[in-house]
């Protein structure tokens, strides 16, 4: 039973990683220079992973264009109980990931 749980946990972690890459210096490098900017992306990733998955599986970031994502996040912000600053962090994270795709 323990092995099954660990296998499921590993699979879930892989799926989340595929849809929500970790914030790296490469991801934050082009437009962001400060520790606060990196922290914003990390916060955005955390919110994206934890709030979005409460209602549905994480959408693949590459599935929608850079132009579509701000509207998608704005439309879902109320359901995810995102405050304006949290919404902006999620958008910043997604757009940073999309820039790398």
PDB file of N, CA and C in Angstrom:
ATOM      1  N   UNK A   1       0.830  -1.185   0.000  1.00  0.00           N
ATOM      2  CA  UNK A   1       0.000   0.000   0.000  1.00  0.00           C
ATOM      3  C   UNK A   1       0.884   1.263   0.000  1.00  0.00           C
ATOM      4  N   UNK A   2       1.946   1.225   0.796  1.00  0.00           N
ATOM      5  CA  UNK A   2       2.847   2.371   0.867  1.00  0.00           C
ATOM      6  C   UNK A   2       3.505   2.635  -0.489  1.00  0.00           C
ATOM      7  N   UNK A   3       3.878   1.561  -1.195  1.00  0.00           N
ATOM      8  CA  UNK A   3       4.508   1.717  -2.502  1.00  0.00           C
ATOM      9  C   UNK A   3       3.541   2.340  -3.503  1.00  0.00           C
ATOM     10  N   UNK A   4       2.270   1.954  -3.437  1.00  0.00           N
ATOM     11  CA  UNK A   4       1.264   2.525  -4.334  1.00  0.00           C
ATOM     12  C   UNK A   4       1.107   4.017  -4.072  1.00  0.00           C
ATOM     13  N   UNK A   5       1.055   4.388  -2.808  1.00  0.00           N
ATOM     14  CA  UNK A   5       0.934   5.809  -2.448  1.00  0.00           C
ATOM     15  C   UNK A   5       2.132   6.595  -2.974  1.00  0.00           C
ATOM     16  N   UNK A   6       3.331   6.078  -2.793  1.00  0.00           N
ATOM     17  CA  UNK A   6       4.533   6.765  -3.268  1.00  0.00           C
ATOM     18  C   UNK A   6       4.550   6.873  -4.787  1.00  0.00           C
ATOM     19  N   UNK A   7       4.089   5.847  -5.470  1.00  0.00           N
ATOM     20  CA  UNK A   7       4.034   5.888  -6.932  1.00  0.00           C
ATOM     21  C   UNK A   7       3.045   6.944  -7.404  1.00  0.00           C
ATOM     22  N   UNK A   8       1.878   7.006  -6.768  1.00  0.00           N
ATOM     23  CA  UNK A   8       0.887   8.022  -7.120  1.00  0.00           C
ATOM     24  C   UNK A   8       1.402   9.421  -6.826  1.00  0.00           C
ATOM     25  N   UNK A   9       2.084   9.573  -5.726  1.00  0.00           N
ATOM     26  CA  UNK A   9       2.662  10.864  -5.373  1.00  0.00           C
ATOM     27  C   UNK A   9       3.708  11.292  -6.403  1.00  0.00           C
ATOM     28  N   UNK A  10       4.520  10.370  -6.829  1.00  0.00           N
ATOM     29  CA  UNK A  10       5.543  10.674  -7.835  1.00  0.00           C
ATOM     30  C   UNK A  10       4.901  11.069  -9.159  1.00  0.00           C
ATOM     31  N   UNK A  11       3.854  10.360  -9.555  1.00  0.00           N
ATOM     32  CA  UNK A  11       3.156  10.706 -10.794  1.00  0.00           C
ATOM     33  C   UNK A  11       2.517  12.076 -10.706  1.00  0.00           C
ATOM     34  N   UNK A  12       1.907  12.378  -9.594  1.00  0.00           N
ATOM     35  CA  UNK A  12       1.286  13.692  -9.415  1.00  0.00           C
ATOM     36  C   UNK A  12       2.336  14.788  -9.477  1.00  0.00           C
ATOM     37  N   UNK A  13       3.484  14.551  -8.888  1.00  0.00           N
ATOM     38  CA  UNK A  13       4.556  15.529  -8.927  1.00  0.00           C
ATOM     39  C   UNK A  13       5.067  15.754 -10.336  1.00  0.00           C
ATOM     40  N   UNK A  14       5.146  14.698 -11.122  1.00  0.00           N
ATOM     41  CA  UNK A  14       5.595  14.827 -12.511  1.00  0.00           C
ATOM     42  C   UNK A  14       4.598  15.631 -13.321  1.00  0.00           C
ATOM     43  N   UNK A  15       3.318  15.361 -13.116  1.00  0.00           N
ATOM     44  CA  UNK A  15       2.295  16.078 -13.877  1.00  0.00           C
ATOM     45  C   UNK A  15       2.335  17.562 -13.547  1.00  0.00           C
ATOM     46  N   UNK A  16       2.446  17.901 -12.274  1.00  0.00           N
ATOM     47  CA  UNK A  16       2.510  19.298 -11.877  1.00  0.00           C
ATOM     48  C   UNK A  16       3.746  19.963 -12.464  1.00  0.00           C
ATOM     49  N   UNK A  17       4.870  19.265 -12.454  1.00  0.00           N
ATOM     50  CA  UNK A  17       6.091  19.843 -13.009  1.00  0.00           C
ATOM     51  C   UNK A  17       5.954  20.121 -14.491  1.00  0.00           C
ATOM     52  N   UNK A  18       5.272  19.231 -15.209  1.00  0.00           N
ATOM     53  CA  UNK A  18       5.086  19.428 -16.641  1.00  0.00           C
ATOM     54  C   UNK A  18       4.258  20.667 -16.927  1.00  0.00           C
ATOM     55  N   UNK A  19       3.268  20.909 -16.141  1.00  0.00           N
ATOM     56  CA  UNK A  19       2.373  22.023 -16.382  1.00  0.00           C
ATOM     57  C   UNK A  19       2.827  23.298 -15.695  1.00  0.00           C
ATOM     58  N   UNK A  20       3.605  23.194 -14.668  1.00  0.00           N
ATOM     59  CA  UNK A  20       4.041  24.366 -13.913  1.00  0.00           C
ATOM     60  C   UNK A  20       5.524  24.250 -13.606  1.00  0.00           C
ATOM     61  N   UNK A  21       6.364  24.582 -14.568  1.00  0.00           N
ATOM     62  CA  UNK A  21       7.807  24.480 -14.337  1.00  0.00           C
ATOM     63  C   UNK A  21       8.254  25.315 -13.143  1.00  0.00           C
ATOM     64  N   UNK A  22       9.282  24.847 -12.486  1.00  0.00           N
ATOM     65  CA  UNK A  22       9.856  25.582 -11.368  1.00  0.00           C
ATOM     66  C   UNK A  22      10.422  26.920 -11.851  1.00  0.00           C
ATOM     67  N   UNK A  23      10.444  27.885 -10.973  1.00  0.00           N
ATOM     68  CA  UNK A  23      11.053  29.174 -11.287  1.00  0.00           C
ATOM     69  C   UNK A  23      12.564  29.003 -11.183  1.00  0.00           C
ATOM     70  N   UNK A  24      13.239  29.309 -12.261  1.00  0.00           N
ATOM     71  CA  UNK A  24      14.696  29.211 -12.319  1.00  0.00           C
ATOM     72  C   UNK A  24      15.264  30.566 -12.717  1.00  0.00           C
ATOM     73  N   UNK A  25      16.558  30.700 -12.605  1.00  0.00           N
ATOM     74  CA  UNK A  25      17.178  31.953 -13.024  1.00  0.00           C
ATOM     75  C   UNK A  25      16.977  32.171 -14.522  1.00  0.00           C
ATOM     76  N   UNK A  26      16.941  31.096 -15.283  1.00  0.00           N
ATOM     77  CA  UNK A  26      16.697  31.200 -16.728  1.00  0.00           C
ATOM     78  C   UNK A  26      15.295  31.755 -16.997  1.00  0.00           C
ATOM     79  N   UNK A  27      14.328  31.285 -16.240  1.00  0.00           N
ATOM     80  CA  UNK A  27      12.946  31.730 -16.413  1.00  0.00           C
ATOM     81  C   UNK A  27      12.800  33.203 -16.075  1.00  0.00           C
ATOM     82  N   UNK A  28      13.470  33.649 -15.044  1.00  0.00           N
ATOM     83  CA  UNK A  28      13.306  35.029 -14.604  1.00  0.00           C
ATOM     84  C   UNK A  28      14.300  35.989 -15.250  1.00  0.00           C
ATOM     85  N   UNK A  29      15.275  35.469 -15.952  1.00  0.00           N
ATOM     86  CA  UNK A  29      16.385  36.270 -16.470  1.00  0.00           C
ATOM     87  C   UNK A  29      16.003  37.374 -17.460  1.00  0.00           C
ATOM     88  N   UNK A  30      15.235  37.117 -18.498  1.00  0.00           N
ATOM     89  CA  UNK A  30      15.065  38.148 -19.533  1.00  0.00           C
ATOM     90  C   UNK A  30      14.462  39.463 -19.056  1.00  0.00           C
ATOM     91  N   UNK A  31      13.417  39.411 -18.272  1.00  0.00           N
ATOM     92  CA  UNK A  31      12.733  40.654 -17.928  1.00  0.00           C
ATOM     93  C   UNK A  31      12.900  41.042 -16.462  1.00  0.00           C
ATOM     94  N   UNK A  32      13.346  40.113 -15.641  1.00  0.00           N
ATOM     95  CA  UNK A  32      13.348  40.359 -14.206  1.00  0.00           C
ATOM     96  C   UNK A  32      14.767  40.302 -13.658  1.00  0.00           C
ATOM     97  N   UNK A  33      15.086  41.232 -12.806  1.00  0.00           N
ATOM     98  CA  UNK A  33      16.462  41.318 -12.310  1.00  0.00           C
ATOM     99  C   UNK A  33      16.581  41.229 -10.784  1.00  0.00           C
ATOM    100  N   UNK A  34      15.543  41.531 -10.050  1.00  0.00           N
ATOM    101  CA  UNK A  34      15.658  41.617  -8.598  1.00  0.00           C
ATOM    102  C   UNK A  34      15.133  40.364  -7.903  1.00  0.00           C
ATOM    103  N   UNK A  35      15.515  40.210  -6.652  1.00  0.00           N
ATOM    104  CA  UNK A  35      15.011  39.097  -5.848  1.00  0.00           C
ATOM    105  C   UNK A  35      13.508  39.198  -5.671  1.00  0.00           C
ATOM    106  N   UNK A  36      12.976  40.428  -5.607  1.00  0.00           N
ATOM    107  CA  UNK A  36      11.537  40.613  -5.480  1.00  0.00           C
ATOM    108  C   UNK A  36      10.820  40.074  -6.719  1.00  0.00           C
ATOM    109  N   UNK A  37      11.420  40.268  -7.902  1.00  0.00           N
ATOM    110  CA  UNK A  37      10.814  39.769  -9.136  1.00  0.00           C
ATOM    111  C   UNK A  37      10.798  38.241  -9.157  1.00  0.00           C
ATOM    112  N   UNK A  38      11.873  37.616  -8.736  1.00  0.00           N
ATOM    113  CA  UNK A  38      11.927  36.159  -8.663  1.00  0.00           C
ATOM    114  C   UNK A  38      10.907  35.664  -7.651  1.00  0.00           C
ATOM    115  N   UNK A  39      10.794  36.342  -6.521  1.00  0.00           N
ATOM    116  CA  UNK A  39       9.819  35.965  -5.495  1.00  0.00           C
ATOM    117  C   UNK A  39       8.397  36.076  -6.052  1.00  0.00           C
ATOM    118  N   UNK A  40       8.147  37.088  -6.876  1.00  0.00           N
ATOM    119  CA  UNK A  40       6.831  37.247  -7.499  1.00  0.00           C
ATOM    120  C   UNK A  40       6.502  36.043  -8.376  1.00  0.00           C
ATOM    121  N   UNK A  41       7.469  35.605  -9.181  1.00  0.00           N
ATOM    122  CA  UNK A  41       7.244  34.437 -10.028  1.00  0.00           C
ATOM    123  C   UNK A  41       7.027  33.175  -9.199  1.00  0.00           C
ATOM    124  N   UNK A  42       7.789  33.027  -8.133  1.00  0.00           N
ATOM    125  CA  UNK A  42       7.614  31.856  -7.267  1.00  0.00           C
ATOM    126  C   UNK A  42       6.233  31.872  -6.611  1.00  0.00           C
ATOM    127  N   UNK A  43       5.804  33.043  -6.173  1.00  0.00           N
ATOM    128  CA  UNK A  43       4.461  33.176  -5.592  1.00  0.00           C
ATOM    129  C   UNK A  43       3.401  32.863  -6.639  1.00  0.00           C
ATOM    130  N   UNK A  44       3.594  33.357  -7.853  1.00  0.00           N
ATOM    131  CA  UNK A  44       2.654  33.085  -8.933  1.00  0.00           C
ATOM    132  C   UNK A  44       2.551  31.606  -9.232  1.00  0.00           C
ATOM    133  N   UNK A  45       3.683  30.916  -9.241  1.00  0.00           N
ATOM    134  CA  UNK A  45       3.668  29.468  -9.485  1.00  0.00           C
ATOM    135  C   UNK A  45       2.924  28.741  -8.374  1.00  0.00           C
ATOM    136  N   UNK A  46       3.214  29.107  -7.139  1.00  0.00           N
ATOM    137  CA  UNK A  46       2.548  28.465  -6.004  1.00  0.00           C
ATOM    138  C   UNK A  46       1.037  28.654  -6.084  1.00  0.00           C
ATOM    139  N   UNK A  47       0.610  29.864  -6.370  1.00  0.00           N
ATOM    140  CA  UNK A  47      -0.830  30.128  -6.496  1.00  0.00           C
ATOM    141  C   UNK A  47      -1.431  29.354  -7.663  1.00  0.00           C
ATOM    142  N   UNK A  48      -0.747  29.356  -8.798  1.00  0.00           N
ATOM    143  CA  UNK A  48      -1.227  28.633  -9.972  1.00  0.00           C
ATOM    144  C   UNK A  48      -1.419  27.154  -9.650  1.00  0.00           C
ATOM    145  N   UNK A  49      -0.423  26.556  -9.039  1.00  0.00           N
ATOM    146  CA  UNK A  49      -0.487  25.128  -8.730  1.00  0.00           C
ATOM    147  C   UNK A  49      -1.558  24.826  -7.687  1.00  0.00           C
ATOM    148  N   UNK A  50      -1.616  25.594  -6.621  1.00  0.00           N
ATOM    149  CA  UNK A  50      -2.504  25.247  -5.513  1.00  0.00           C
ATOM    150  C   UNK A  50      -3.936  25.731  -5.688  1.00  0.00           C
ATOM    151  N   UNK A  51      -4.146  26.860  -6.276  1.00  0.00           N
ATOM    152  CA  UNK A  51      -5.513  27.375  -6.416  1.00  0.00           C
ATOM    153  C   UNK A  51      -6.227  26.788  -7.625  1.00  0.00           C
ATOM    154  N   UNK A  52      -5.552  26.674  -8.734  1.00  0.00           N
ATOM    155  CA  UNK A  52      -6.209  26.176  -9.952  1.00  0.00           C
ATOM    156  C   UNK A  52      -6.615  24.720  -9.819  1.00  0.00           C
ATOM    157  N   UNK A  53      -5.772  23.947  -9.170  1.00  0.00           N
ATOM    158  CA  UNK A  53      -6.022  22.515  -9.065  1.00  0.00           C
ATOM    159  C   UNK A  53      -7.165  22.194  -8.090  1.00  0.00           C
ATOM    160  N   UNK A  54      -7.621  23.177  -7.332  1.00  0.00           N
ATOM    161  CA  UNK A  54      -8.747  22.946  -6.435  1.00  0.00           C
ATOM    162  C   UNK A  54     -10.025  22.613  -7.206  1.00  0.00           C
ATOM    163  N   UNK A  55     -10.151  23.139  -8.434  1.00  0.00           N
ATOM    164  CA  UNK A  55     -11.371  22.924  -9.219  1.00  0.00           C
ATOM    165  C   UNK A  55     -11.162  22.042 -10.447  1.00  0.00           C
ATOM    166  N   UNK A  56      -9.954  22.007 -10.985  1.00  0.00           N
ATOM    167  CA  UNK A  56      -9.705  21.239 -12.209  1.00  0.00           C
ATOM    168  C   UNK A  56      -8.216  20.930 -12.307  1.00  0.00           C
ATOM    169  N   UNK A  57      -7.876  20.083 -13.260  1.00  0.00           N
ATOM    170  CA  UNK A  57      -6.464  19.790 -13.466  1.00  0.00           C
ATOM    171  C   UNK A  57      -5.779  21.049 -13.994  1.00  0.00           C
ATOM    172  N   UNK A  58      -4.504  21.132 -13.768  1.00  0.00           N
ATOM    173  CA  UNK A  58      -3.772  22.305 -14.241  1.00  0.00           C
ATOM    174  C   UNK A  58      -3.777  22.348 -15.763  1.00  0.00           C
ATOM    175  N   UNK A  59      -4.108  23.491 -16.323  1.00  0.00           N
ATOM    176  CA  UNK A  59      -4.040  23.591 -17.775  1.00  0.00           C
ATOM    177  C   UNK A  59      -2.583  23.664 -18.227  1.00  0.00           C
ATOM    178  N   UNK A  60      -2.325  23.104 -19.368  1.00  0.00           N
ATOM    179  CA  UNK A  60      -0.973  23.200 -19.935  1.00  0.00           C
ATOM    180  C   UNK A  60      -0.742  24.648 -20.352  1.00  0.00           C
ATOM    181  N   UNK A  61       0.309  25.249 -19.859  1.00  0.00           N
ATOM    182  CA  UNK A  61       0.574  26.666 -20.114  1.00  0.00           C
ATOM    183  C   UNK A  61       0.730  26.940 -21.606  1.00  0.00           C
ATOM    184  N   UNK A  62       1.277  25.998 -22.344  1.00  0.00           N
ATOM    185  CA  UNK A  62       1.479  26.183 -23.781  1.00  0.00           C
ATOM    186  C   UNK A  62       0.189  26.106 -24.578  1.00  0.00           C
ATOM    187  N   UNK A  63      -0.885  25.624 -23.951  1.00  0.00           N
ATOM    188  CA  UNK A  63      -2.151  25.419 -24.664  1.00  0.00           C
ATOM    189  C   UNK A  63      -2.792  26.742 -25.118  1.00  0.00           C
ATOM    190  N   UNK A  64      -2.551  27.805 -24.381  1.00  0.00           N
ATOM    191  CA  UNK A  64      -3.140  29.105 -24.706  1.00  0.00           C
ATOM    192  C   UNK A  64      -2.026  30.102 -25.006  1.00  0.00           C
ATOM    193  N   UNK A  65      -2.348  31.107 -25.783  1.00  0.00           N
ATOM    194  CA  UNK A  65      -1.344  32.098 -26.170  1.00  0.00           C
ATOM    195  C   UNK A  65      -1.066  33.067 -25.021  1.00  0.00           C
ATOM    196  N   UNK A  66       0.022  33.814 -25.167  1.00  0.00           N
ATOM    197  CA  UNK A  66       0.364  34.857 -24.182  1.00  0.00           C
ATOM    198  C   UNK A  66      -0.765  35.878 -24.075  1.00  0.00           C
ATOM    199  N   UNK A  67      -1.413  36.149 -25.186  1.00  0.00           N
ATOM    200  CA  UNK A  67      -2.505  37.124 -25.179  1.00  0.00           C
ATOM    201  C   UNK A  67      -3.751  36.602 -24.477  1.00  0.00           C
ATOM    202  N   UNK A  68      -3.951  35.286 -24.488  1.00  0.00           N
ATOM    203  CA  UNK A  68      -5.143  34.691 -23.865  1.00  0.00           C
ATOM    204  C   UNK A  68      -5.045  34.591 -22.344  1.00  0.00           C
ATOM    205  N   UNK A  69      -3.836  34.348 -21.823  1.00  0.00           N
ATOM    206  CA  UNK A  69      -3.682  34.049 -20.402  1.00  0.00           C
ATOM    207  C   UNK A  69      -4.176  35.138 -19.448  1.00  0.00           C
ATOM    208  N   UNK A  70      -3.895  36.407 -19.666  1.00  0.00           N
ATOM    209  CA  UNK A  70      -4.399  37.398 -18.704  1.00  0.00           C
ATOM    210  C   UNK A  70      -5.926  37.358 -18.562  1.00  0.00           C
ATOM    211  N   UNK A  71      -6.625  37.184 -19.669  1.00  0.00           N
ATOM    212  CA  UNK A  71      -8.087  37.111 -19.599  1.00  0.00           C
ATOM    213  C   UNK A  71      -8.554  35.843 -18.898  1.00  0.00           C
ATOM    214  N   UNK A  72      -7.880  34.728 -19.171  1.00  0.00           N
ATOM    215  CA  UNK A  72      -8.243  33.470 -18.509  1.00  0.00           C
ATOM    216  C   UNK A  72      -8.075  33.608 -17.003  1.00  0.00           C
ATOM    217  N   UNK A  73      -6.939  34.131 -16.575  1.00  0.00           N
ATOM    218  CA  UNK A  73      -6.694  34.295 -15.135  1.00  0.00           C
ATOM    219  C   UNK A  73      -7.696  35.282 -14.539  1.00  0.00           C
ATOM    220  N   UNK A  74      -7.950  36.378 -15.226  1.00  0.00           N
ATOM    221  CA  UNK A  74      -8.928  37.349 -14.718  1.00  0.00           C
ATOM    222  C   UNK A  74     -10.311  36.721 -14.587  1.00  0.00           C
ATOM    223  N   UNK A  75     -10.703  35.898 -15.550  1.00  0.00           N
ATOM    224  CA  UNK A  75     -12.010  35.235 -15.491  1.00  0.00           C
ATOM    225  C   UNK A  75     -12.098  34.253 -14.330  1.00  0.00           C
ATOM    226  N   UNK A  76     -11.002  33.601 -14.002  1.00  0.00           N
ATOM    227  CA  UNK A  76     -11.001  32.588 -12.944  1.00  0.00           C
ATOM    228  C   UNK A  76     -10.650  33.149 -11.562  1.00  0.00           C
ATOM    229  N   UNK A  77     -10.203  34.377 -11.495  1.00  0.00           N
ATOM    230  CA  UNK A  77      -9.713  34.953 -10.238  1.00  0.00           C
ATOM    231  C   UNK A  77     -10.755  34.898  -9.125  1.00  0.00           C
ATOM    232  N   UNK A  78     -12.004  35.163  -9.443  1.00  0.00           N
ATOM    233  CA  UNK A  78     -13.041  35.151  -8.411  1.00  0.00           C
ATOM    234  C   UNK A  78     -13.234  33.736  -7.859  1.00  0.00           C
ATOM    235  N   UNK A  79     -13.293  32.758  -8.743  1.00  0.00           N
ATOM    236  CA  UNK A  79     -13.474  31.369  -8.296  1.00  0.00           C
ATOM    237  C   UNK A  79     -12.309  30.895  -7.442  1.00  0.00           C
ATOM    238  N   UNK A  80     -11.117  31.373  -7.772  1.00  0.00           N
ATOM    239  CA  UNK A  80      -9.917  30.948  -7.043  1.00  0.00           C
ATOM    240  C   UNK A  80      -9.629  31.847  -5.842  1.00  0.00           C
ATOM    241  N   UNK A  81     -10.504  32.810  -5.604  1.00  0.00           N
ATOM    242  CA  UNK A  81     -10.334  33.760  -4.494  1.00  0.00           C
ATOM    243  C   UNK A  81      -8.980  34.459  -4.553  1.00  0.00           C
ATOM    244  N   UNK A  82      -8.607  34.879  -5.748  1.00  0.00           N
ATOM    245  CA  UNK A  82      -7.331  35.581  -5.913  1.00  0.00           C
ATOM    246  C   UNK A  82      -7.534  37.078  -5.710  1.00  0.00           C
ATOM    247  N   UNK A  83      -6.701  37.640  -4.865  1.00  0.00           N
ATOM    248  CA  UNK A  83      -6.671  39.091  -4.700  1.00  0.00           C
ATOM    249  C   UNK A  83      -5.956  39.676  -5.917  1.00  0.00           C
ATOM    250  N   UNK A  84      -6.119  40.975  -6.185  1.00  0.00           N
ATOM    251  CA  UNK A  84      -5.475  41.557  -7.366  1.00  0.00           C
ATOM    252  C   UNK A  84      -3.970  41.299  -7.451  1.00  0.00           C
ATOM    253  N   UNK A  85      -3.245  41.428  -6.354  1.00  0.00           N
ATOM    254  CA  UNK A  85      -1.791  41.193  -6.383  1.00  0.00           C
ATOM    255  C   UNK A  85      -1.488  39.721  -6.672  1.00  0.00           C
ATOM    256  N   UNK A  86      -2.309  38.822  -6.165  1.00  0.00           N
ATOM    257  CA  UNK A  86      -2.118  37.397  -6.434  1.00  0.00           C
ATOM    258  C   UNK A  86      -2.399  37.095  -7.902  1.00  0.00           C
ATOM    259  N   UNK A  87      -3.437  37.695  -8.433  1.00  0.00           N
ATOM    260  CA  UNK A  87      -3.775  37.524  -9.849  1.00  0.00           C
ATOM    261  C   UNK A  87      -2.604  37.980 -10.725  1.00  0.00           C
ATOM    262  N   UNK A  88      -2.031  39.121 -10.385  1.00  0.00           N
ATOM    263  CA  UNK A  88      -0.892  39.634 -11.155  1.00  0.00           C
ATOM    264  C   UNK A  88       0.321  38.716 -11.048  1.00  0.00           C
ATOM    265  N   UNK A  89       0.523  38.106  -9.888  1.00  0.00           N
ATOM    266  CA  UNK A  89       1.641  37.167  -9.718  1.00  0.00           C
ATOM    267  C   UNK A  89       1.443  35.934 -10.592  1.00  0.00           C
ATOM    268  N   UNK A  90       0.229  35.414 -10.650  1.00  0.00           N
ATOM    269  CA  UNK A  90      -0.062  34.246 -11.486  1.00  0.00           C
ATOM    270  C   UNK A  90       0.169  34.591 -12.958  1.00  0.00           C
ATOM    271  N   UNK A  91      -0.336  35.733 -13.376  1.00  0.00           N
ATOM    272  CA  UNK A  91      -0.150  36.154 -14.767  1.00  0.00           C
ATOM    273  C   UNK A  91       1.337  36.323 -15.084  1.00  0.00           C
ATOM    274  N   UNK A  92       2.086  36.946 -14.187  1.00  0.00           N
ATOM    275  CA  UNK A  92       3.527  37.138 -14.408  1.00  0.00           C
ATOM    276  C   UNK A  92       4.232  35.796 -14.570  1.00  0.00           C
ATOM    277  N   UNK A  93       3.887  34.838 -13.725  1.00  0.00           N
ATOM    278  CA  UNK A  93       4.500  33.516 -13.805  1.00  0.00           C
ATOM    279  C   UNK A  93       4.172  32.843 -15.140  1.00  0.00           C
ATOM    280  N   UNK A  94       2.903  32.817 -15.493  1.00  0.00           N
ATOM    281  CA  UNK A  94       2.489  32.150 -16.728  1.00  0.00           C
ATOM    282  C   UNK A  94       3.152  32.794 -17.940  1.00  0.00           C
ATOM    283  N   UNK A  95       3.177  34.113 -17.981  1.00  0.00           N
ATOM    284  CA  UNK A  95       3.778  34.791 -19.127  1.00  0.00           C
ATOM    285  C   UNK A  95       5.284  34.563 -19.185  1.00  0.00           C
ATOM    286  N   UNK A  96       5.927  34.445 -18.046  1.00  0.00           N
ATOM    287  CA  UNK A  96       7.365  34.133 -18.036  1.00  0.00           C
ATOM    288  C   UNK A  96       7.599  32.734 -18.596  1.00  0.00           C
ATOM    289  N   UNK A  97       6.750  31.789 -18.225  1.00  0.00           N
ATOM    290  CA  UNK A  97       6.878  30.429 -18.753  1.00  0.00           C
ATOM    291  C   UNK A  97       6.603  30.422 -20.261  1.00  0.00           C
ATOM    292  N   UNK A  98       5.556  31.114 -20.674  1.00  0.00           N
ATOM    293  CA  UNK A  98       5.207  31.161 -22.105  1.00  0.00           C
ATOM    294  C   UNK A  98       6.337  31.772 -22.930  1.00  0.00           C
ATOM    295  N   UNK A  99       7.035  32.723 -22.363  1.00  0.00           N
ATOM    296  CA  UNK A  99       8.144  33.375 -23.060  1.00  0.00           C
ATOM    297  C   UNK A  99       9.232  32.345 -23.388  1.00  0.00           C
ATOM    298  N   UNK A 100       9.375  31.337 -22.528  1.00  0.00           N
ATOM    299  CA  UNK A 100      10.414  30.324 -22.711  1.00  0.00           C
ATOM    300  C   UNK A 100       9.977  29.193 -23.634  1.00  0.00           C
ATOM    301  N   UNK A 101       8.698  29.139 -23.980  1.00  0.00           N
ATOM    302  CA  UNK A 101       8.210  28.023 -24.826  1.00  0.00           C
ATOM    303  C   UNK A 101       8.448  28.281 -26.290  1.00  0.00           C
TER     304      UNK A 101
END
